[in-house]
Structure formats: C-alpha cells, structure tokens
Amino acid sequence: MNKARIEMLKKYIEEEPANPFNKYALAMEYYESHPSQSLEYLREILTNHPEYLPSYFKAAHLLWEFEFWEEADSVFQKGIELATTIGDQKALHELKSAYQNFQIDWD
C-alpha cells in the first residue's frame, strides 16, 4: 500500500467523482492490505458505475473470500453478462473460469 498514491487517488476522486477508474485504482491499492476497504470502494463502483467491467472480477473475489456467497454469485453473473454484452472475450473468459472455481468452492 502506497500512502502517497492513495492520497493522490483520493484527490483525483474529489476532482472527478464520476470517473470510476480513480475509485477502482484506490480499491486496488487497498486490495491486499485492507480488503474490506477495497470491497467498500468496489461495491460503490458496482452500484454507481455498473458498466465498469474491471470491478466485477475483483469484487466477486473479495466477496468470495469474505464468504458472502450469494452476493459473490450475483456479481460473477452480472460481470459475465456485461462482458458478453460488450464483447470483451478476455474478461469473459477470466470471469467464467473464476466463476467455475467459485461454484466448486460454494458447493
């Protein structure tokens, strides 16, 4: 976690609150060291910017890690649907592969 980068990203968020990338970048800064904080930002992106595809993979993984099974399942499915809709084959493959592993773990 880089404190200077975190402060910079928070400033960017203040300047451009409608830009989901800045919140996503901040969520990634917190991902390893403060996963609950990361999840908070990712949930905010999913709510306010549901078209921002990168957030689905990371949010679903954190939800899975925290054992929020139903929410993780929903996020995986919505991410797969969005990737299919916009034609992002790489993201679709990654989400489907992760979702299969999630389903095995959930059973």
PDB file of N, CA and C in Angstrom:
ATOM      1  N   MET A   1       0.845  -1.176   0.000  1.00  0.00           N
ATOM      2  CA  MET A   1       0.000   0.000   0.000  1.00  0.00           C
ATOM      3  C   MET A   1       0.887   1.235   0.000  1.00  0.00           C
ATOM      4  N   ASN A   2       0.681   2.063  -0.964  1.00  0.00           N
ATOM      5  CA  ASN A   2       1.480   3.272  -1.127  1.00  0.00           C
ATOM      6  C   ASN A   2       0.646   4.477  -0.677  1.00  0.00           C
ATOM      7  N   LYS A   3       1.016   5.048   0.476  1.00  0.00           N
ATOM      8  CA  LYS A   3       0.227   6.145   1.053  1.00  0.00           C
ATOM      9  C   LYS A   3       0.183   7.372   0.155  1.00  0.00           C
ATOM     10  N   ALA A   4       1.281   7.680  -0.500  1.00  0.00           N
ATOM     11  CA  ALA A   4       1.294   8.834  -1.399  1.00  0.00           C
ATOM     12  C   ALA A   4       0.340   8.617  -2.571  1.00  0.00           C
ATOM     13  N   ARG A   5       0.332   7.413  -3.111  1.00  0.00           N
ATOM     14  CA  ARG A   5      -0.557   7.106  -4.230  1.00  0.00           C
ATOM     15  C   ARG A   5      -2.019   7.151  -3.768  1.00  0.00           C
ATOM     16  N   ILE A   6      -2.267   6.685  -2.552  1.00  0.00           N
ATOM     17  CA  ILE A   6      -3.625   6.722  -2.008  1.00  0.00           C
ATOM     18  C   ILE A   6      -4.114   8.163  -1.888  1.00  0.00           C
ATOM     19  N   GLU A   7      -3.280   9.025  -1.369  1.00  0.00           N
ATOM     20  CA  GLU A   7      -3.669  10.436  -1.234  1.00  0.00           C
ATOM     21  C   GLU A   7      -3.895  11.074  -2.604  1.00  0.00           C
ATOM     22  N   MET A   8      -3.062  10.744  -3.552  1.00  0.00           N
ATOM     23  CA  MET A   8      -3.212  11.264  -4.905  1.00  0.00           C
ATOM     24  C   MET A   8      -4.538  10.792  -5.513  1.00  0.00           C
ATOM     25  N   LEU A   9      -4.858   9.507  -5.345  1.00  0.00           N
ATOM     26  CA  LEU A   9      -6.094   8.966  -5.899  1.00  0.00           C
ATOM     27  C   LEU A   9      -7.318   9.584  -5.232  1.00  0.00           C
ATOM     28  N   LYS A  10      -7.245   9.819  -3.929  1.00  0.00           N
ATOM     29  CA  LYS A  10      -8.361  10.475  -3.237  1.00  0.00           C
ATOM     30  C   LYS A  10      -8.578  11.883  -3.782  1.00  0.00           C
ATOM     31  N   LYS A  11      -7.486  12.555  -4.087  1.00  0.00           N
ATOM     32  CA  LYS A  11      -7.590  13.895  -4.685  1.00  0.00           C
ATOM     33  C   LYS A  11      -8.246  13.802  -6.060  1.00  0.00           C
ATOM     34  N   TYR A  12      -7.833  12.824  -6.859  1.00  0.00           N
ATOM     35  CA  TYR A  12      -8.426  12.636  -8.182  1.00  0.00           C
ATOM     36  C   TYR A  12      -9.927  12.347  -8.073  1.00  0.00           C
ATOM     37  N   ILE A  13     -10.308  11.563  -7.065  1.00  0.00           N
ATOM     38  CA  ILE A  13     -11.722  11.238  -6.868  1.00  0.00           C
ATOM     39  C   ILE A  13     -12.516  12.502  -6.547  1.00  0.00           C
ATOM     40  N   GLU A  14     -11.936  13.362  -5.726  1.00  0.00           N
ATOM     41  CA  GLU A  14     -12.597  14.637  -5.421  1.00  0.00           C
ATOM     42  C   GLU A  14     -12.754  15.484  -6.677  1.00  0.00           C
ATOM     43  N   GLU A  15     -11.730  15.487  -7.516  1.00  0.00           N
ATOM     44  CA  GLU A  15     -11.752  16.298  -8.733  1.00  0.00           C
ATOM     45  C   GLU A  15     -12.664  15.720  -9.813  1.00  0.00           C
ATOM     46  N   GLU A  16     -12.732  14.400  -9.883  1.00  0.00           N
ATOM     47  CA  GLU A  16     -13.528  13.712 -10.906  1.00  0.00           C
ATOM     48  C   GLU A  16     -14.383  12.611 -10.265  1.00  0.00           C
ATOM     49  N   PRO A  17     -15.382  12.972  -9.499  1.00  0.00           N
ATOM     50  CA  PRO A  17     -16.162  11.942  -8.791  1.00  0.00           C
ATOM     51  C   PRO A  17     -16.917  10.982  -9.712  1.00  0.00           C
ATOM     52  N   ALA A  18     -17.145  11.361 -10.948  1.00  0.00           N
ATOM     53  CA  ALA A  18     -17.871  10.499 -11.879  1.00  0.00           C
ATOM     54  C   ALA A  18     -16.970   9.518 -12.631  1.00  0.00           C
ATOM     55  N   ASN A  19     -15.663   9.574 -12.391  1.00  0.00           N
ATOM     56  CA  ASN A  19     -14.723   8.698 -13.081  1.00  0.00           C
ATOM     57  C   ASN A  19     -14.494   7.432 -12.247  1.00  0.00           C
ATOM     58  N   PRO A  20     -15.025   6.279 -12.677  1.00  0.00           N
ATOM     59  CA  PRO A  20     -14.876   5.066 -11.874  1.00  0.00           C
ATOM     60  C   PRO A  20     -13.442   4.547 -11.798  1.00  0.00           C
ATOM     61  N   PHE A  21     -12.607   4.900 -12.758  1.00  0.00           N
ATOM     62  CA  PHE A  21     -11.235   4.387 -12.742  1.00  0.00           C
ATOM     63  C   PHE A  21     -10.499   4.798 -11.475  1.00  0.00           C
ATOM     64  N   ASN A  22     -10.672   6.032 -11.040  1.00  0.00           N
ATOM     65  CA  ASN A  22      -9.959   6.502  -9.852  1.00  0.00           C
ATOM     66  C   ASN A  22     -10.361   5.713  -8.609  1.00  0.00           C
ATOM     67  N   LYS A  23     -11.642   5.421  -8.474  1.00  0.00           N
ATOM     68  CA  LYS A  23     -12.094   4.616  -7.331  1.00  0.00           C
ATOM     69  C   LYS A  23     -11.594   3.180  -7.458  1.00  0.00           C
ATOM     70  N   TYR A  24     -11.562   2.674  -8.682  1.00  0.00           N
ATOM     71  CA  TYR A  24     -11.046   1.323  -8.895  1.00  0.00           C
ATOM     72  C   TYR A  24      -9.561   1.262  -8.534  1.00  0.00           C
ATOM     73  N   ALA A  25      -8.804   2.257  -8.962  1.00  0.00           N
ATOM     74  CA  ALA A  25      -7.371   2.290  -8.638  1.00  0.00           C
ATOM     75  C   ALA A  25      -7.167   2.364  -7.130  1.00  0.00           C
ATOM     76  N   LEU A  26      -7.999   3.125  -6.450  1.00  0.00           N
ATOM     77  CA  LEU A  26      -7.898   3.206  -4.991  1.00  0.00           C
ATOM     78  C   LEU A  26      -8.262   1.863  -4.350  1.00  0.00           C
ATOM     79  N   ALA A  27      -9.286   1.224  -4.862  1.00  0.00           N
ATOM     80  CA  ALA A  27      -9.661  -0.105  -4.357  1.00  0.00           C
ATOM     81  C   ALA A  27      -8.508  -1.088  -4.515  1.00  0.00           C
ATOM     82  N   MET A  28      -7.773  -0.997  -5.627  1.00  0.00           N
ATOM     83  CA  MET A  28      -6.652  -1.899  -5.852  1.00  0.00           C
ATOM     84  C   MET A  28      -5.492  -1.605  -4.899  1.00  0.00           C
ATOM     85  N   GLU A  29      -5.329  -0.353  -4.510  1.00  0.00           N
ATOM     86  CA  GLU A  29      -4.302  -0.015  -3.518  1.00  0.00           C
ATOM     87  C   GLU A  29      -4.597  -0.681  -2.176  1.00  0.00           C
ATOM     88  N   TYR A  30      -5.868  -0.784  -1.843  1.00  0.00           N
ATOM     89  CA  TYR A  30      -6.283  -1.381  -0.573  1.00  0.00           C
ATOM     90  C   TYR A  30      -6.474  -2.899  -0.653  1.00  0.00           C
ATOM     91  N   TYR A  31      -6.468  -3.459  -1.836  1.00  0.00           N
ATOM     92  CA  TYR A  31      -6.891  -4.848  -2.063  1.00  0.00           C
ATOM     93  C   TYR A  31      -6.198  -5.864  -1.156  1.00  0.00           C
ATOM     94  N   GLU A  32      -4.892  -5.807  -1.054  1.00  0.00           N
ATOM     95  CA  GLU A  32      -4.148  -6.793  -0.255  1.00  0.00           C
ATOM     96  C   GLU A  32      -4.116  -6.448   1.235  1.00  0.00           C
ATOM     97  N   SER A  33      -3.849  -5.192   1.544  1.00  0.00           N
ATOM     98  CA  SER A  33      -3.630  -4.821   2.945  1.00  0.00           C
ATOM     99  C   SER A  33      -4.904  -4.490   3.716  1.00  0.00           C
ATOM    100  N   HIS A  34      -5.924  -3.990   3.032  1.00  0.00           N
ATOM    101  CA  HIS A  34      -7.196  -3.625   3.657  1.00  0.00           C
ATOM    102  C   HIS A  34      -8.353  -4.076   2.761  1.00  0.00           C
ATOM    103  N   PRO A  35      -8.568  -5.394   2.657  1.00  0.00           N
ATOM    104  CA  PRO A  35      -9.567  -5.881   1.703  1.00  0.00           C
ATOM    105  C   PRO A  35     -10.989  -5.386   1.963  1.00  0.00           C
ATOM    106  N   SER A  36     -11.347  -5.158   3.224  1.00  0.00           N
ATOM    107  CA  SER A  36     -12.705  -4.668   3.476  1.00  0.00           C
ATOM    108  C   SER A  36     -12.882  -3.250   2.932  1.00  0.00           C
ATOM    109  N   GLN A  37     -11.836  -2.424   3.012  1.00  0.00           N
ATOM    110  CA  GLN A  37     -11.887  -1.081   2.443  1.00  0.00           C
ATOM    111  C   GLN A  37     -11.962  -1.161   0.915  1.00  0.00           C
ATOM    112  N   SER A  38     -11.200  -2.072   0.347  1.00  0.00           N
ATOM    113  CA  SER A  38     -11.236  -2.281  -1.093  1.00  0.00           C
ATOM    114  C   SER A  38     -12.644  -2.678  -1.530  1.00  0.00           C
ATOM    115  N   LEU A  39     -13.241  -3.600  -0.801  1.00  0.00           N
ATOM    116  CA  LEU A  39     -14.580  -4.066  -1.144  1.00  0.00           C
ATOM    117  C   LEU A  39     -15.597  -2.928  -1.066  1.00  0.00           C
ATOM    118  N   GLU A  40     -15.437  -2.050  -0.111  1.00  0.00           N
ATOM    119  CA  GLU A  40     -16.339  -0.902   0.004  1.00  0.00           C
ATOM    120  C   GLU A  40     -16.305  -0.048  -1.266  1.00  0.00           C
ATOM    121  N   TYR A  41     -15.100   0.241  -1.756  1.00  0.00           N
ATOM    122  CA  TYR A  41     -14.973   1.020  -2.991  1.00  0.00           C
ATOM    123  C   TYR A  41     -15.517   0.250  -4.193  1.00  0.00           C
ATOM    124  N   LEU A  42     -15.242  -1.044  -4.247  1.00  0.00           N
ATOM    125  CA  LEU A  42     -15.722  -1.846  -5.370  1.00  0.00           C
ATOM    126  C   LEU A  42     -17.251  -1.921  -5.389  1.00  0.00           C
ATOM    127  N   ARG A  43     -17.853  -2.073  -4.220  1.00  0.00           N
ATOM    128  CA  ARG A  43     -19.325  -2.076  -4.153  1.00  0.00           C
ATOM    129  C   ARG A  43     -19.895  -0.740  -4.637  1.00  0.00           C
ATOM    130  N   GLU A  44     -19.232   0.333  -4.269  1.00  0.00           N
ATOM    131  CA  GLU A  44     -19.671   1.659  -4.702  1.00  0.00           C
ATOM    132  C   GLU A  44     -19.615   1.770  -6.229  1.00  0.00           C
ATOM    133  N   ILE A  45     -18.553   1.243  -6.815  1.00  0.00           N
ATOM    134  CA  ILE A  45     -18.436   1.265  -8.275  1.00  0.00           C
ATOM    135  C   ILE A  45     -19.542   0.422  -8.909  1.00  0.00           C
ATOM    136  N   LEU A  46     -19.776  -0.766  -8.379  1.00  0.00           N
ATOM    137  CA  LEU A  46     -20.818  -1.632  -8.940  1.00  0.00           C
ATOM    138  C   LEU A  46     -22.190  -0.959  -8.874  1.00  0.00           C
ATOM    139  N   THR A  47     -22.426  -0.211  -7.823  1.00  0.00           N
ATOM    140  CA  THR A  47     -23.706   0.470  -7.664  1.00  0.00           C
ATOM    141  C   THR A  47     -23.830   1.678  -8.579  1.00  0.00           C
ATOM    142  N   ASN A  48     -22.788   2.495  -8.590  1.00  0.00           N
ATOM    143  CA  ASN A  48     -22.859   3.773  -9.314  1.00  0.00           C
ATOM    144  C   ASN A  48     -22.345   3.727 -10.748  1.00  0.00           C
ATOM    145  N   HIS A  49     -21.567   2.713 -11.080  1.00  0.00           N
ATOM    146  CA  HIS A  49     -20.999   2.579 -12.429  1.00  0.00           C
ATOM    147  C   HIS A  49     -21.062   1.110 -12.863  1.00  0.00           C
ATOM    148  N   PRO A  50     -22.257   0.559 -12.991  1.00  0.00           N
ATOM    149  CA  PRO A  50     -22.372  -0.874 -13.300  1.00  0.00           C
ATOM    150  C   PRO A  50     -21.775  -1.268 -14.645  1.00  0.00           C
ATOM    151  N   GLU A  51     -21.445  -0.290 -15.470  1.00  0.00           N
ATOM    152  CA  GLU A  51     -20.830  -0.572 -16.776  1.00  0.00           C
ATOM    153  C   GLU A  51     -19.313  -0.719 -16.687  1.00  0.00           C
ATOM    154  N   TYR A  52     -18.737  -0.499 -15.496  1.00  0.00           N
ATOM    155  CA  TYR A  52     -17.281  -0.553 -15.354  1.00  0.00           C
ATOM    156  C   TYR A  52     -16.848  -1.999 -15.087  1.00  0.00           C
ATOM    157  N   LEU A  53     -16.558  -2.709 -16.144  1.00  0.00           N
ATOM    158  CA  LEU A  53     -16.302  -4.150 -16.121  1.00  0.00           C
ATOM    159  C   LEU A  53     -15.173  -4.599 -15.188  1.00  0.00           C
ATOM    160  N   PRO A  54     -14.030  -3.924 -15.103  1.00  0.00           N
ATOM    161  CA  PRO A  54     -12.947  -4.443 -14.250  1.00  0.00           C
ATOM    162  C   PRO A  54     -13.333  -4.657 -12.786  1.00  0.00           C
ATOM    163  N   SER A  55     -14.314  -3.929 -12.306  1.00  0.00           N
ATOM    164  CA  SER A  55     -14.685  -4.036 -10.891  1.00  0.00           C
ATOM    165  C   SER A  55     -15.334  -5.377 -10.548  1.00  0.00           C
ATOM    166  N   TYR A  56     -15.945  -6.037 -11.510  1.00  0.00           N
ATOM    167  CA  TYR A  56     -16.674  -7.269 -11.222  1.00  0.00           C
ATOM    168  C   TYR A  56     -15.758  -8.402 -10.768  1.00  0.00           C
ATOM    169  N   PHE A  57     -14.662  -8.587 -11.452  1.00  0.00           N
ATOM    170  CA  PHE A  57     -13.751  -9.687 -11.126  1.00  0.00           C
ATOM    171  C   PHE A  57     -13.203  -9.540  -9.711  1.00  0.00           C
ATOM    172  N   LYS A  58     -12.680  -8.357  -9.399  1.00  0.00           N
ATOM    173  CA  LYS A  58     -12.073  -8.138  -8.079  1.00  0.00           C
ATOM    174  C   LYS A  58     -13.117  -8.142  -6.976  1.00  0.00           C
ATOM    175  N   ALA A  59     -14.278  -7.528  -7.217  1.00  0.00           N
ATOM    176  CA  ALA A  59     -15.340  -7.514  -6.204  1.00  0.00           C
ATOM    177  C   ALA A  59     -15.817  -8.932  -5.922  1.00  0.00           C
ATOM    178  N   ALA A  60     -16.039  -9.714  -6.961  1.00  0.00           N
ATOM    179  CA  ALA A  60     -16.509 -11.089  -6.768  1.00  0.00           C
ATOM    180  C   ALA A  60     -15.492 -11.903  -5.962  1.00  0.00           C
ATOM    181  N   HIS A  61     -14.220 -11.702  -6.235  1.00  0.00           N
ATOM    182  CA  HIS A  61     -13.196 -12.438  -5.492  1.00  0.00           C
ATOM    183  C   HIS A  61     -13.180 -12.062  -4.012  1.00  0.00           C
ATOM    184  N   LEU A  62     -13.295 -10.778  -3.712  1.00  0.00           N
ATOM    185  CA  LEU A  62     -13.325 -10.374  -2.307  1.00  0.00           C
ATOM    186  C   LEU A  62     -14.586 -10.879  -1.617  1.00  0.00           C
ATOM    187  N   LEU A  63     -15.700 -10.809  -2.294  1.00  0.00           N
ATOM    188  CA  LEU A  63     -16.945 -11.330  -1.712  1.00  0.00           C
ATOM    189  C   LEU A  63     -16.816 -12.823  -1.433  1.00  0.00           C
ATOM    190  N   TRP A  64     -16.192 -13.527  -2.346  1.00  0.00           N
ATOM    191  CA  TRP A  64     -15.933 -14.961  -2.189  1.00  0.00           C
ATOM    192  C   TRP A  64     -15.020 -15.177  -0.984  1.00  0.00           C
ATOM    193  N   GLU A  65     -13.973 -14.400  -0.895  1.00  0.00           N
ATOM    194  CA  GLU A  65     -13.028 -14.514   0.220  1.00  0.00           C
ATOM    195  C   GLU A  65     -13.709 -14.273   1.569  1.00  0.00           C
ATOM    196  N   PHE A  66     -14.618 -13.304   1.610  1.00  0.00           N
ATOM    197  CA  PHE A  66     -15.346 -12.997   2.840  1.00  0.00           C
ATOM    198  C   PHE A  66     -16.547 -13.915   3.050  1.00  0.00           C
ATOM    199  N   GLU A  67     -16.749 -14.843   2.125  1.00  0.00           N
ATOM    200  CA  GLU A  67     -17.828 -15.824   2.161  1.00  0.00           C
ATOM    201  C   GLU A  67     -19.215 -15.191   2.110  1.00  0.00           C
ATOM    202  N   PHE A  68     -19.331 -14.135   1.335  1.00  0.00           N
ATOM    203  CA  PHE A  68     -20.634 -13.553   1.011  1.00  0.00           C
ATOM    204  C   PHE A  68     -21.095 -14.243  -0.276  1.00  0.00           C
ATOM    205  N   TRP A  69     -21.478 -15.494  -0.122  1.00  0.00           N
ATOM    206  CA  TRP A  69     -21.688 -16.398  -1.243  1.00  0.00           C
ATOM    207  C   TRP A  69     -22.703 -15.884  -2.253  1.00  0.00           C
ATOM    208  N   GLU A  70     -23.894 -15.508  -1.784  1.00  0.00           N
ATOM    209  CA  GLU A  70     -24.942 -15.085  -2.708  1.00  0.00           C
ATOM    210  C   GLU A  70     -24.545 -13.813  -3.458  1.00  0.00           C
ATOM    211  N   GLU A  71     -23.956 -12.863  -2.735  1.00  0.00           N
ATOM    212  CA  GLU A  71     -23.548 -11.627  -3.385  1.00  0.00           C
ATOM    213  C   GLU A  71     -22.435 -11.883  -4.402  1.00  0.00           C
ATOM    214  N   ALA A  72     -21.495 -12.749  -4.043  1.00  0.00           N
ATOM    215  CA  ALA A  72     -20.411 -13.097  -4.972  1.00  0.00           C
ATOM    216  C   ALA A  72     -20.992 -13.750  -6.230  1.00  0.00           C
ATOM    217  N   ASP A  73     -21.940 -14.655  -6.042  1.00  0.00           N
ATOM    218  CA  ASP A  73     -22.577 -15.317  -7.174  1.00  0.00           C
ATOM    219  C   ASP A  73     -23.235 -14.293  -8.091  1.00  0.00           C
ATOM    220  N   SER A  74     -23.952 -13.366  -7.506  1.00  0.00           N
ATOM    221  CA  SER A  74     -24.620 -12.327  -8.290  1.00  0.00           C
ATOM    222  C   SER A  74     -23.623 -11.459  -9.053  1.00  0.00           C
ATOM    223  N   VAL A  75     -22.546 -11.082  -8.407  1.00  0.00           N
ATOM    224  CA  VAL A  75     -21.548 -10.232  -9.055  1.00  0.00           C
ATOM    225  C   VAL A  75     -20.864 -10.980 -10.191  1.00  0.00           C
ATOM    226  N   PHE A  76     -20.525 -12.237  -9.976  1.00  0.00           N
ATOM    227  CA  PHE A  76     -19.946 -13.025 -11.071  1.00  0.00           C
ATOM    228  C   PHE A  76     -20.912 -13.065 -12.260  1.00  0.00           C
ATOM    229  N   GLN A  77     -22.173 -13.361 -12.002  1.00  0.00           N
ATOM    230  CA  GLN A  77     -23.150 -13.477 -13.090  1.00  0.00           C
ATOM    231  C   GLN A  77     -23.334 -12.155 -13.831  1.00  0.00           C
ATOM    232  N   LYS A  78     -23.423 -11.055 -13.100  1.00  0.00           N
ATOM    233  CA  LYS A  78     -23.583  -9.744 -13.741  1.00  0.00           C
ATOM    234  C   LYS A  78     -22.341  -9.380 -14.556  1.00  0.00           C
ATOM    235  N   GLY A  79     -21.166  -9.717 -14.035  1.00  0.00           N
ATOM    236  CA  GLY A  79     -19.929  -9.461 -14.769  1.00  0.00           C
ATOM    237  C   GLY A  79     -19.862 -10.264 -16.054  1.00  0.00           C
ATOM    238  N   ILE A  80     -20.270 -11.521 -15.987  1.00  0.00           N
ATOM    239  CA  ILE A  80     -20.289 -12.372 -17.182  1.00  0.00           C
ATOM    240  C   ILE A  80     -21.274 -11.820 -18.207  1.00  0.00           C
ATOM    241  N   GLU A  81     -22.425 -11.382 -17.739  1.00  0.00           N
ATOM    242  CA  GLU A  81     -23.430 -10.796 -18.636  1.00  0.00           C
ATOM    243  C   GLU A  81     -22.895  -9.525 -19.300  1.00  0.00           C
ATOM    244  N   LEU A  82     -22.261  -8.666 -18.515  1.00  0.00           N
ATOM    245  CA  LEU A  82     -21.722  -7.426 -19.068  1.00  0.00           C
ATOM    246  C   LEU A  82     -20.609  -7.707 -20.072  1.00  0.00           C
ATOM    247  N   ALA A  83     -19.696  -8.615 -19.731  1.00  0.00           N
ATOM    248  CA  ALA A  83     -18.599  -8.951 -20.648  1.00  0.00           C
ATOM    249  C   ALA A  83     -19.147  -9.512 -21.951  1.00  0.00           C
ATOM    250  N   THR A  84     -20.192 -10.316 -21.867  1.00  0.00           N
ATOM    251  CA  THR A  84     -20.833 -10.876 -23.065  1.00  0.00           C
ATOM    252  C   THR A  84     -21.446  -9.756 -23.899  1.00  0.00           C
ATOM    253  N   THR A  85     -22.151  -8.854 -23.226  1.00  0.00           N
ATOM    254  CA  THR A  85     -22.836  -7.756 -23.917  1.00  0.00           C
ATOM    255  C   THR A  85     -21.868  -6.853 -24.669  1.00  0.00           C
ATOM    256  N   ILE A  86     -20.752  -6.525 -24.019  1.00  0.00           N
ATOM    257  CA  ILE A  86     -19.819  -5.595 -24.677  1.00  0.00           C
ATOM    258  C   ILE A  86     -18.787  -6.322 -25.544  1.00  0.00           C
ATOM    259  N   GLY A  87     -18.785  -7.648 -25.488  1.00  0.00           N
ATOM    260  CA  GLY A  87     -17.900  -8.430 -26.345  1.00  0.00           C
ATOM    261  C   GLY A  87     -16.449  -8.480 -25.890  1.00  0.00           C
ATOM    262  N   ASP A  88     -16.227  -8.375 -24.594  1.00  0.00           N
ATOM    263  CA  ASP A  88     -14.856  -8.450 -24.056  1.00  0.00           C
ATOM    264  C   ASP A  88     -14.543  -9.913 -23.755  1.00  0.00           C
ATOM    265  N   GLN A  89     -13.940 -10.585 -24.721  1.00  0.00           N
ATOM    266  CA  GLN A  89     -13.691 -12.026 -24.619  1.00  0.00           C
ATOM    267  C   GLN A  89     -12.697 -12.388 -23.516  1.00  0.00           C
ATOM    268  N   LYS A  90     -11.682 -11.567 -23.339  1.00  0.00           N
ATOM    269  CA  LYS A  90     -10.681 -11.846 -22.291  1.00  0.00           C
ATOM    270  C   LYS A  90     -11.330 -11.785 -20.910  1.00  0.00           C
ATOM    271  N   ALA A  91     -12.068 -10.729 -20.641  1.00  0.00           N
ATOM    272  CA  ALA A  91     -12.747 -10.595 -19.350  1.00  0.00           C
ATOM    273  C   ALA A  91     -13.781 -11.702 -19.170  1.00  0.00           C
ATOM    274  N   LEU A  92     -14.480 -12.033 -20.235  1.00  0.00           N
ATOM    275  CA  LEU A  92     -15.482 -13.095 -20.179  1.00  0.00           C
ATOM    276  C   LEU A  92     -14.840 -14.420 -19.786  1.00  0.00           C
ATOM    277  N   HIS A  93     -13.728 -14.737 -20.415  1.00  0.00           N
ATOM    278  CA  HIS A  93     -13.018 -15.987 -20.096  1.00  0.00           C
ATOM    279  C   HIS A  93     -12.549 -15.998 -18.636  1.00  0.00           C
ATOM    280  N   GLU A  94     -11.968 -14.887 -18.188  1.00  0.00           N
ATOM    281  CA  GLU A  94     -11.475 -14.808 -16.807  1.00  0.00           C
ATOM    282  C   GLU A  94     -12.620 -14.933 -15.802  1.00  0.00           C
ATOM    283  N   LEU A  95     -13.715 -14.240 -16.070  1.00  0.00           N
ATOM    284  CA  LEU A  95     -14.861 -14.314 -15.158  1.00  0.00           C
ATOM    285  C   LEU A  95     -15.476 -15.710 -15.136  1.00  0.00           C
ATOM    286  N   LYS A  96     -15.626 -16.324 -16.305  1.00  0.00           N
ATOM    287  CA  LYS A  96     -16.208 -17.671 -16.356  1.00  0.00           C
ATOM    288  C   LYS A  96     -15.325 -18.689 -15.641  1.00  0.00           C
ATOM    289  N   SER A  97     -14.017 -18.601 -15.835  1.00  0.00           N
ATOM    290  CA  SER A  97     -13.100 -19.533 -15.168  1.00  0.00           C
ATOM    291  C   SER A  97     -13.157 -19.370 -13.656  1.00  0.00           C
ATOM    292  N   ALA A  98     -13.120 -18.129 -13.202  1.00  0.00           N
ATOM    293  CA  ALA A  98     -13.195 -17.869 -11.769  1.00  0.00           C
ATOM    294  C   ALA A  98     -14.539 -18.311 -11.205  1.00  0.00           C
ATOM    295  N   TYR A  99     -15.596 -18.078 -11.958  1.00  0.00           N
ATOM    296  CA  TYR A  99     -16.936 -18.449 -11.515  1.00  0.00           C
ATOM    297  C   TYR A  99     -17.064 -19.965 -11.363  1.00  0.00           C
ATOM    298  N   GLN A 100     -16.475 -20.711 -12.260  1.00  0.00           N
ATOM    299  CA  GLN A 100     -16.492 -22.173 -12.134  1.00  0.00           C
ATOM    300  C   GLN A 100     -15.797 -22.613 -10.844  1.00  0.00           C
ATOM    301  N   ASN A 101     -14.645 -22.029 -10.554  1.00  0.00           N
ATOM    302  CA  ASN A 101     -13.941 -22.358  -9.315  1.00  0.00           C
ATOM    303  C   ASN A 101     -14.763 -21.950  -8.087  1.00  0.00           C
ATOM    304  N   PHE A 102     -15.389 -20.806  -8.171  1.00  0.00           N
ATOM    305  CA  PHE A 102     -16.248 -20.338  -7.086  1.00  0.00           C
ATOM    306  C   PHE A 102     -17.370 -21.322  -6.827  1.00  0.00           C
ATOM    307  N   GLN A 103     -18.023 -21.789  -7.897  1.00  0.00           N
ATOM    308  CA  GLN A 103     -19.142 -22.723  -7.750  1.00  0.00           C
ATOM    309  C   GLN A 103     -18.698 -24.028  -7.096  1.00  0.00           C
ATOM    310  N   ILE A 104     -17.507 -24.491  -7.427  1.00  0.00           N
ATOM    311  CA  ILE A 104     -16.972 -25.705  -6.797  1.00  0.00           C
ATOM    312  C   ILE A 104     -16.759 -25.458  -5.304  1.00  0.00           C
ATOM    313  N   ASP A 105     -16.195 -24.305  -4.972  1.00  0.00           N
ATOM    314  CA  ASP A 105     -15.933 -23.969  -3.575  1.00  0.00           C
ATOM    315  C   ASP A 105     -17.222 -23.777  -2.786  1.00  0.00           C
ATOM    316  N   TRP A 106     -18.236 -23.225  -3.427  1.00  0.00           N
ATOM    317  CA  TRP A 106     -19.507 -22.934  -2.756  1.00  0.00           C
ATOM    318  C   TRP A 106     -20.264 -24.213  -2.424  1.00  0.00           C
ATOM    319  N   ASP A 107     -20.139 -25.237  -3.260  1.00  0.00           N
ATOM    320  CA  ASP A 107     -20.879 -26.493  -3.047  1.00  0.00           C
ATOM    321  C   ASP A 107     -20.456 -27.220  -1.805  1.00  0.00           C
TER     322      ASP A 107
END
